[in-house]
């Protein structure tokens, strides 16, 4: 059968890994004329591209392939993720002054309260949808807490966030309701930024307002773009990762036992290698070059297959095996180079806290395969529904 790969293909969404294996072997530089991209699938090539921002530009966007998010306008949604140096260096540097390790670690107690509060009624029921009832609400609450969203506005933000993150089962496109929700979110965060500029608090928004490098400060528009970025990078990715962790451990009972016996960090690391929520990222070639005998023109859209790189047997022995005893340190789940995920520490803390709270109260669980539903997205992999039954400790 001829090799055909598209990130829009629903069969790829069902299981991309056989496609990746063929790409790495048969076409390490794969050309898709219809969707207009070149795909890199081998670990060494993906890593080199992530680390070479001169030849592989992020300025047209890096996350989605929908037209609304491709081009110079991408930075309105993705902030410094859709920029190259020196603009990327400046903006990320200022954001990093507010998004400190101290601020993240200071959230841990509150994160436990949020996780415990969400879990209590679910455990009492004994059955729930992991995605709708926990994996979605938990990071949404965490980001609201981090940013400093007033309590009375959080329900509205939850609804807007779910509108944006919800994926129609029959489409990979962003729905009109999602685009409207993004507009409403931009309006809300603009008003909140103005209000907070007159009344500082101990939160990320105040930190962004105060972040300075000499006389250089973030503009209100730049701050809002960072807050919008947090919806995708801080909420959606964590939500999908939690679901993937849950589903993968369910599929592998022996490894689940290790996880529930205290191997939480290994569970997180190996799951993010084995089944990363972010499967692809985009770059633009700034100059023509040749790789593996294939000529690539300047301006080419380069699809870097992170999910394939994480299963490359040249780096990971027996890569299609889920193994908590593996050293998953080389995983590209958080990217690499100057665009390495700035929120990696927060994401890992969220995942660790959530899973510790669950494991402390749950002896084991089961998932109803009949109710499992996947999302359909060109870059993300995860679930819309994971009906779960738990056995309390």
Protein backbone atom coordinates (compact mmCIF):
# COMPACT_ATOMS: atom_id res chain seq x y z
CA UNK A 1 0.00 0.00 0.00
CA UNK A 2 1.44 3.42 -0.96
CA UNK A 3 2.49 5.56 2.01
CA UNK A 4 0.05 8.40 2.65
CA UNK A 5 0.16 10.59 5.75
CA UNK A 6 -1.97 13.58 6.75
CA UNK A 7 -2.50 15.02 10.24
CA UNK A 8 -6.14 15.56 9.21
CA UNK A 9 -6.78 11.85 8.51
CA UNK A 10 -9.12 10.29 11.10
CA UNK A 11 -7.35 6.94 10.72
CA UNK A 12 -4.12 8.69 11.74
CA UNK A 13 -5.97 10.11 14.77
CA UNK A 14 -7.03 6.58 15.71
CA UNK A 15 -3.43 5.33 15.71
CA UNK A 16 -0.62 7.43 14.17
CA UNK A 17 2.27 5.21 15.25
CA UNK A 18 2.25 2.68 12.36
CA UNK A 19 2.28 5.68 9.98
CA UNK A 20 5.24 7.17 11.84
CA UNK A 21 7.17 3.88 11.66
CA UNK A 22 6.76 3.78 7.88
CA UNK A 23 7.68 7.46 7.52
CA UNK A 24 10.91 7.01 9.51
CA UNK A 25 11.91 4.03 7.34
CA UNK A 26 10.52 4.85 3.88
CA UNK A 27 10.27 8.66 3.74
CA UNK A 28 12.13 10.51 6.52
CA UNK A 29 11.36 13.68 4.55
CA UNK A 30 7.77 13.19 3.42
CA UNK A 31 6.01 15.53 1.01
CA UNK A 32 2.22 16.00 1.23
CA UNK A 33 1.16 18.05 -1.81
CA UNK A 34 -2.51 18.30 -0.83
CA UNK A 35 -1.91 19.81 2.61
CA UNK A 36 1.31 21.52 1.45
CA UNK A 37 3.93 20.44 3.97
CA UNK A 38 7.11 18.42 4.36
CA UNK A 39 7.18 16.12 7.41
CA UNK A 40 10.27 15.14 9.42
CA UNK A 41 9.81 11.95 11.43
CA UNK A 42 13.24 10.85 12.73
CA UNK A 43 14.36 11.93 16.17
CA UNK A 44 17.69 13.39 15.03
CA UNK A 45 16.04 15.48 12.29
CA UNK A 46 13.20 16.74 14.51
CA UNK A 47 15.64 17.67 17.31
CA UNK A 48 17.96 19.48 14.88
CA UNK A 49 15.03 21.48 13.48
CA UNK A 50 13.74 22.41 16.95
CA UNK A 51 17.19 23.72 17.87
CA UNK A 52 17.81 25.62 14.62
CA UNK A 53 15.49 28.63 14.76
CA UNK A 54 17.50 30.42 12.05
CA UNK A 55 16.59 27.88 9.37
CA UNK A 56 13.30 26.70 10.92
CA UNK A 57 11.24 29.78 11.74
CA UNK A 58 8.25 29.93 14.11
CA UNK A 59 7.09 33.35 12.87
CA UNK A 60 4.11 31.99 10.87
CA UNK A 61 2.92 29.89 13.79
CA UNK A 62 3.88 26.58 15.29
CA UNK A 63 0.73 24.94 16.60
CA UNK A 64 -2.19 24.61 14.20
CA UNK A 65 -2.46 24.26 10.45
CA UNK A 66 -5.85 25.98 10.12
CA UNK A 67 -5.52 29.14 7.95
CA UNK A 68 -6.67 31.39 10.82
CA UNK A 69 -3.55 30.45 12.75
CA UNK A 70 -1.00 30.45 9.96
CA UNK A 71 0.88 33.60 9.03
CA UNK A 72 1.91 36.84 10.77
CA UNK A 73 -1.38 36.92 12.74
CA UNK A 74 -0.41 33.71 14.60
CA UNK A 75 1.31 35.68 17.36
CA UNK A 76 -2.05 37.15 18.46
CA UNK A 77 -3.04 33.67 19.64
CA UNK A 78 0.33 32.13 20.41
CA UNK A 79 2.41 35.06 21.64
CA UNK A 80 6.17 34.36 21.70
CA UNK A 81 5.58 30.73 20.57
CA UNK A 82 4.94 32.23 17.11
CA UNK A 83 8.02 34.49 17.07
CA UNK A 84 11.72 34.29 16.22
CA UNK A 85 14.64 36.17 17.82
CA UNK A 86 15.08 38.97 18.66
CA UNK A 87 11.35 39.48 19.34
CA UNK A 88 11.00 36.00 20.82
CA UNK A 89 14.02 36.54 23.06
CA UNK A 90 12.64 39.83 24.41
CA UNK A 91 9.05 38.69 25.01
CA UNK A 92 9.87 35.27 26.45
CA UNK A 93 12.50 36.87 28.68
CA UNK A 94 9.98 39.34 30.12
CA UNK A 95 7.34 36.64 30.63
CA UNK A 96 9.91 34.43 32.37
CA UNK A 97 10.48 37.21 34.93
CA UNK A 98 6.84 36.82 36.00
CA UNK A 99 6.46 33.07 35.41
CA UNK A 100 9.03 32.14 38.03
CA UNK A 101 9.78 28.79 39.65
CA UNK A 102 8.98 30.42 43.00
CA UNK A 103 5.52 31.44 41.78
CA UNK A 104 4.85 27.96 40.39
CA UNK A 105 6.02 26.10 43.51
CA UNK A 106 4.01 28.46 45.69
CA UNK A 107 0.84 27.10 44.04
CA UNK A 108 1.30 23.50 45.21
CA UNK A 109 -0.89 23.69 48.33
CA UNK A 110 -3.67 25.38 46.38
CA UNK A 111 -3.33 22.82 43.57
CA UNK A 112 -3.91 20.02 46.08
CA UNK A 113 -7.01 21.77 47.39
CA UNK A 114 -8.39 22.16 43.86
CA UNK A 115 -7.67 18.52 42.94
CA UNK A 116 -9.09 17.19 46.19
CA UNK A 117 -12.20 19.36 45.88
CA UNK A 118 -12.88 18.16 42.34
CA UNK A 119 -12.27 14.51 43.23
CA UNK A 120 -14.45 14.30 46.35
CA UNK A 121 -17.89 14.18 44.64
CA UNK A 122 -16.53 11.97 41.82
CA UNK A 123 -15.20 9.36 44.24
CA UNK A 124 -18.47 9.44 46.13
CA UNK A 125 -20.30 8.61 42.89
CA UNK A 126 -17.76 5.95 41.95
CA UNK A 127 -18.09 6.60 38.22
CA UNK A 128 -17.45 9.71 36.15
CA UNK A 129 -15.99 10.97 32.87
CA UNK A 130 -12.29 11.57 33.47
CA UNK A 131 -12.16 14.26 30.75
CA UNK A 132 -15.29 16.32 31.46
CA UNK A 133 -15.30 15.90 35.24
CA UNK A 134 -11.61 16.16 36.16
CA UNK A 135 -8.98 16.44 33.40
CA UNK A 136 -10.69 19.53 31.92
CA UNK A 137 -11.78 21.40 35.08
CA UNK A 138 -8.52 20.85 37.00
CA UNK A 139 -6.05 22.77 34.75
CA UNK A 140 -8.76 25.35 34.02
CA UNK A 141 -9.00 26.12 37.74
CA UNK A 142 -5.21 26.07 38.10
CA UNK A 143 -4.68 28.63 35.33
CA UNK A 144 -7.45 30.85 36.75
CA UNK A 145 -5.71 30.67 40.13
CA UNK A 146 -2.29 31.38 38.61
CA UNK A 147 -3.48 34.34 36.53
CA UNK A 148 -5.58 35.82 39.33
CA UNK A 149 -9.05 35.57 37.78
CA UNK A 150 -11.69 36.69 40.32
CA UNK A 151 -13.84 33.85 41.68
CA UNK A 152 -17.07 35.29 40.23
CA UNK A 153 -15.66 35.19 36.67
CA UNK A 154 -14.33 31.64 36.68
CA UNK A 155 -17.50 29.85 35.59
CA UNK A 156 -17.73 32.12 32.53
CA UNK A 157 -14.07 31.44 31.74
CA UNK A 158 -14.61 27.70 32.14
CA UNK A 159 -17.39 27.80 29.55
CA UNK A 160 -15.34 29.89 27.10
CA UNK A 161 -12.34 27.60 27.56
CA UNK A 162 -14.38 24.48 26.87
CA UNK A 163 -15.87 26.10 23.75
CA UNK A 164 -12.35 26.67 22.44
CA UNK A 165 -11.03 23.23 23.39
CA UNK A 166 -14.05 21.21 22.28
CA UNK A 167 -13.41 19.41 18.99
CA UNK A 168 -16.30 18.43 16.75
CA UNK A 169 -16.14 14.69 16.13
CA UNK A 170 -16.61 15.18 12.39
CA UNK A 171 -14.07 17.95 11.84
CA UNK A 172 -10.54 19.08 12.62
CA UNK A 173 -11.41 22.74 11.95
CA UNK A 174 -11.97 25.33 14.64
CA UNK A 175 -15.74 25.86 14.95
CA UNK A 176 -17.33 29.35 14.65
CA UNK A 177 -18.35 29.10 18.34
CA UNK A 178 -14.71 28.57 19.28
CA UNK A 179 -13.62 31.65 17.31
CA UNK A 180 -16.34 33.69 19.06
CA UNK A 181 -15.16 32.35 22.43
CA UNK A 182 -11.59 33.42 21.62
CA UNK A 183 -12.88 36.93 20.87
CA UNK A 184 -14.80 37.02 24.15
CA UNK A 185 -11.72 35.79 26.02
CA UNK A 186 -9.53 38.51 24.46
CA UNK A 187 -12.13 41.10 25.52
CA UNK A 188 -12.31 39.74 29.07
CA UNK A 189 -8.55 39.54 29.57
CA UNK A 190 -8.12 43.05 28.14
CA UNK A 191 -10.54 44.41 30.76
CA UNK A 192 -8.92 42.37 33.53
CA UNK A 193 -5.46 43.64 32.55
CA UNK A 194 -6.67 47.25 32.71
CA UNK A 195 -8.29 46.63 36.12
CA UNK A 196 -5.21 44.86 37.51
CA UNK A 197 -2.93 47.67 36.33
CA UNK A 198 -4.73 49.84 38.92
CA UNK A 199 -4.79 47.18 41.65
CA UNK A 200 -1.88 44.74 41.85
CA UNK A 201 -2.26 41.30 43.48
CA UNK A 202 0.04 38.36 44.14
CA UNK A 203 -0.66 36.66 40.80
CA UNK A 204 0.80 36.11 37.33
CA UNK A 205 -1.13 38.98 35.74
CA UNK A 206 0.36 41.45 38.24
CA UNK A 207 3.77 39.85 37.64
CA UNK A 208 3.40 40.37 33.88
CA UNK A 209 2.44 44.01 34.44
CA UNK A 210 5.50 44.52 36.65
CA UNK A 211 7.98 42.54 34.52
CA UNK A 212 10.67 44.89 33.24
CA UNK A 213 14.08 44.83 31.63
CA UNK A 214 15.32 48.34 32.30
CA UNK A 215 12.64 50.55 30.76
CA UNK A 216 11.24 47.75 28.60
CA UNK A 217 7.87 46.40 29.70
CA UNK A 218 5.16 44.22 28.18
CA UNK A 219 2.40 46.12 26.41
CA UNK A 220 -1.24 45.36 27.39
CA UNK A 221 -1.67 43.60 24.01
CA UNK A 222 1.36 41.41 24.68
CA UNK A 223 0.06 40.50 28.13
CA UNK A 224 -3.34 39.50 26.71
CA UNK A 225 -1.65 37.31 24.07
CA UNK A 226 0.26 35.51 26.85
CA UNK A 227 -2.99 34.93 28.76
CA UNK A 228 -4.67 33.56 25.61
CA UNK A 229 -1.67 31.28 25.03
CA UNK A 230 -2.29 29.80 28.49
CA UNK A 231 -5.66 28.46 27.33
CA UNK A 232 -3.99 26.16 24.81
CA UNK A 233 -0.58 25.60 26.35
CA UNK A 234 -1.68 25.69 29.99
CA UNK A 235 -5.13 24.13 29.92
CA UNK A 236 -5.76 22.07 26.78
CA UNK A 237 -2.35 20.35 26.72
CA UNK A 238 -2.52 19.44 30.42
CA UNK A 239 -6.09 18.21 30.05
CA UNK A 240 -5.19 15.94 27.13
CA UNK A 241 -2.02 14.73 28.87
CA UNK A 242 -3.98 13.72 31.97
CA UNK A 243 -6.39 11.76 29.79
CA UNK A 244 -3.56 10.06 27.91
CA UNK A 245 -1.84 9.11 31.18
CA UNK A 246 -5.09 7.64 32.47
CA UNK A 247 -5.89 5.69 29.31
CA UNK A 248 -2.36 4.38 28.78
CA UNK A 249 -2.04 3.07 32.35
CA UNK A 250 -5.46 1.42 31.98
CA UNK A 251 -4.19 -0.41 28.88
CA UNK A 252 -1.09 -1.68 30.73
CA UNK A 253 -2.11 -3.23 34.10
CA UNK A 254 1.43 -4.22 35.16
CA UNK A 255 2.74 -0.71 34.59
CA UNK A 256 -0.39 0.75 36.24
CA UNK A 257 0.43 -1.23 39.36
CA UNK A 258 3.91 0.30 39.45
CA UNK A 259 2.39 3.77 38.99
CA UNK A 260 -0.11 3.23 41.80
CA UNK A 261 2.68 1.90 44.02
CA UNK A 262 4.37 5.30 43.91
CA UNK A 263 6.09 5.62 40.52
CA UNK A 264 4.18 8.82 39.66
CA UNK A 265 7.07 10.72 38.05
CA UNK A 266 7.98 7.71 35.88
CA UNK A 267 4.31 7.35 34.90
CA UNK A 268 4.26 10.99 33.76
CA UNK A 269 7.58 10.88 31.89
CA UNK A 270 6.99 7.60 30.08
CA UNK A 271 3.39 8.46 29.17
CA UNK A 272 4.48 11.78 27.67
CA UNK A 273 7.05 9.95 25.58
CA UNK A 274 4.76 7.08 24.61
CA UNK A 275 1.56 9.08 23.98
CA UNK A 276 2.31 12.84 23.88
CA UNK A 277 -0.67 15.17 23.66
CA UNK A 278 1.22 17.44 21.24
CA UNK A 279 2.03 15.21 18.27
CA UNK A 280 3.25 17.81 15.78
CA UNK A 281 4.64 21.31 15.61
CA UNK A 282 5.12 23.55 12.58
CA UNK A 283 8.07 25.56 11.32
CA UNK A 284 8.80 27.52 8.13
CA UNK A 285 12.03 26.89 6.18
CA UNK A 286 13.86 30.20 5.82
CA UNK A 287 16.19 28.95 3.06
CA UNK A 288 16.36 26.05 0.61
CA UNK A 289 18.15 22.94 1.87
CA UNK A 290 18.54 19.24 1.15
CA UNK A 291 17.91 16.41 3.62
CA UNK A 292 18.04 12.65 2.94
CA UNK A 293 18.25 13.40 -0.79
CA UNK A 294 15.10 15.56 -0.80
CA UNK A 295 15.28 19.22 -1.87
CA UNK A 296 13.16 21.55 0.24
CA UNK A 297 12.48 25.13 -0.91
CA UNK A 298 12.57 28.31 1.14
CA UNK A 299 9.14 29.04 2.60
CA UNK A 300 8.26 25.36 2.96
CA UNK A 301 5.94 24.39 5.80
CA UNK A 302 7.85 21.88 7.91
CA UNK A 303 5.77 19.53 10.07
CA UNK A 304 7.94 18.16 12.88
CA UNK A 305 6.47 14.87 14.13
CA UNK A 306 7.20 14.89 17.87
CA UNK A 307 5.08 11.76 18.38
CA UNK A 308 7.24 9.92 15.85
CA UNK A 309 10.54 11.18 17.28
CA UNK A 310 9.50 9.85 20.69
CA UNK A 311 9.07 6.36 19.17
CA UNK A 312 12.31 6.35 17.17
CA UNK A 313 14.17 3.04 17.85
CA UNK A 314 17.46 4.84 17.16
CA UNK A 315 16.98 6.60 20.51
CA UNK A 316 14.52 4.48 22.51
CA UNK A 317 14.96 0.70 22.78
CA UNK A 318 11.72 -1.14 22.04
CA UNK A 319 9.94 2.22 21.66
CA UNK A 320 6.40 0.84 21.21
CA UNK A 321 6.52 -0.71 24.68
CA UNK A 322 5.12 1.30 27.60
CA UNK A 323 7.74 0.79 30.32
CA UNK A 324 7.99 2.81 33.55
CA UNK A 325 11.54 1.50 34.08
CA UNK A 326 12.73 3.22 30.90
CA UNK A 327 14.83 6.42 30.98
CA UNK A 328 12.50 8.77 29.08
CA UNK A 329 14.75 11.79 29.58
CA UNK A 330 15.38 12.25 25.84
CA UNK A 331 11.65 12.69 25.13
CA UNK A 332 10.67 15.75 23.07
CA UNK A 333 7.25 16.11 24.74
CA UNK A 334 8.17 19.62 25.92
CA UNK A 335 10.07 20.47 22.75
CA UNK A 336 13.71 21.59 22.70
CA UNK A 337 15.81 24.64 21.95
CA UNK A 338 14.66 28.22 22.51
CA UNK A 339 10.99 27.18 22.25
CA UNK A 340 11.24 24.53 24.99
CA UNK A 341 7.97 24.79 26.93
CA UNK A 342 8.21 27.67 29.42
CA UNK A 343 5.41 26.11 31.48
CA UNK A 344 7.01 22.64 31.76
CA UNK A 345 7.54 23.00 35.52
CA UNK A 346 3.91 24.02 36.08
CA UNK A 347 2.62 21.19 33.88
CA UNK A 348 4.70 18.59 35.71
CA UNK A 349 3.60 19.95 39.10
CA UNK A 350 -0.07 19.84 38.03
CA UNK A 351 0.22 16.28 36.75
CA UNK A 352 2.12 15.11 39.82
CA UNK A 353 -0.34 16.70 42.26
CA UNK A 354 -3.40 15.41 40.38
CA UNK A 355 -2.10 11.85 40.19
CA UNK A 356 -0.87 11.81 43.81
CA UNK A 357 -4.31 12.94 44.98
CA UNK A 358 -6.02 10.28 42.85
CA UNK A 359 -3.66 7.44 43.82
CA UNK A 360 -4.01 8.39 47.49
CA UNK A 361 -7.76 7.80 47.31
CA UNK A 362 -8.21 5.24 44.51
CA UNK A 363 -7.06 1.59 44.65
CA UNK A 364 -7.76 0.86 40.97
CA UNK A 365 -10.01 1.89 38.08
CA UNK A 366 -11.60 0.71 34.87
CA UNK A 367 -12.57 2.51 31.66
CA UNK A 368 -15.67 1.62 29.62
CA UNK A 369 -14.32 1.16 26.06
CA UNK A 370 -17.79 1.69 24.58
CA UNK A 371 -17.88 5.29 25.81
CA UNK A 372 -14.33 6.31 24.87
CA UNK A 373 -14.22 9.16 22.35
CA UNK A 374 -11.12 10.70 20.78
CA UNK A 375 -10.70 14.32 19.76
CA UNK A 376 -9.92 15.14 16.14
CA UNK A 377 -7.12 17.68 15.80
CA UNK A 378 -4.24 18.12 13.39
CA UNK A 379 -1.63 18.60 16.10
CA UNK A 380 -3.05 17.23 19.38
CA UNK A 381 -3.88 13.68 20.45
CA UNK A 382 -6.20 12.81 23.28
CA UNK A 383 -9.72 12.10 24.39
CA UNK A 384 -13.06 13.88 24.53
CA UNK A 385 -14.54 11.23 26.87
CA UNK A 386 -13.08 8.55 29.17
CA UNK A 387 -15.93 6.98 31.22
CA UNK A 388 -14.26 5.73 34.40
CA UNK A 389 -15.26 3.57 37.35
CA UNK A 390 -13.03 3.69 40.43
CA UNK A 391 -12.46 1.42 43.40
CA UNK A 392 -11.82 3.50 46.53
CA UNK A 393 -8.93 2.65 48.86
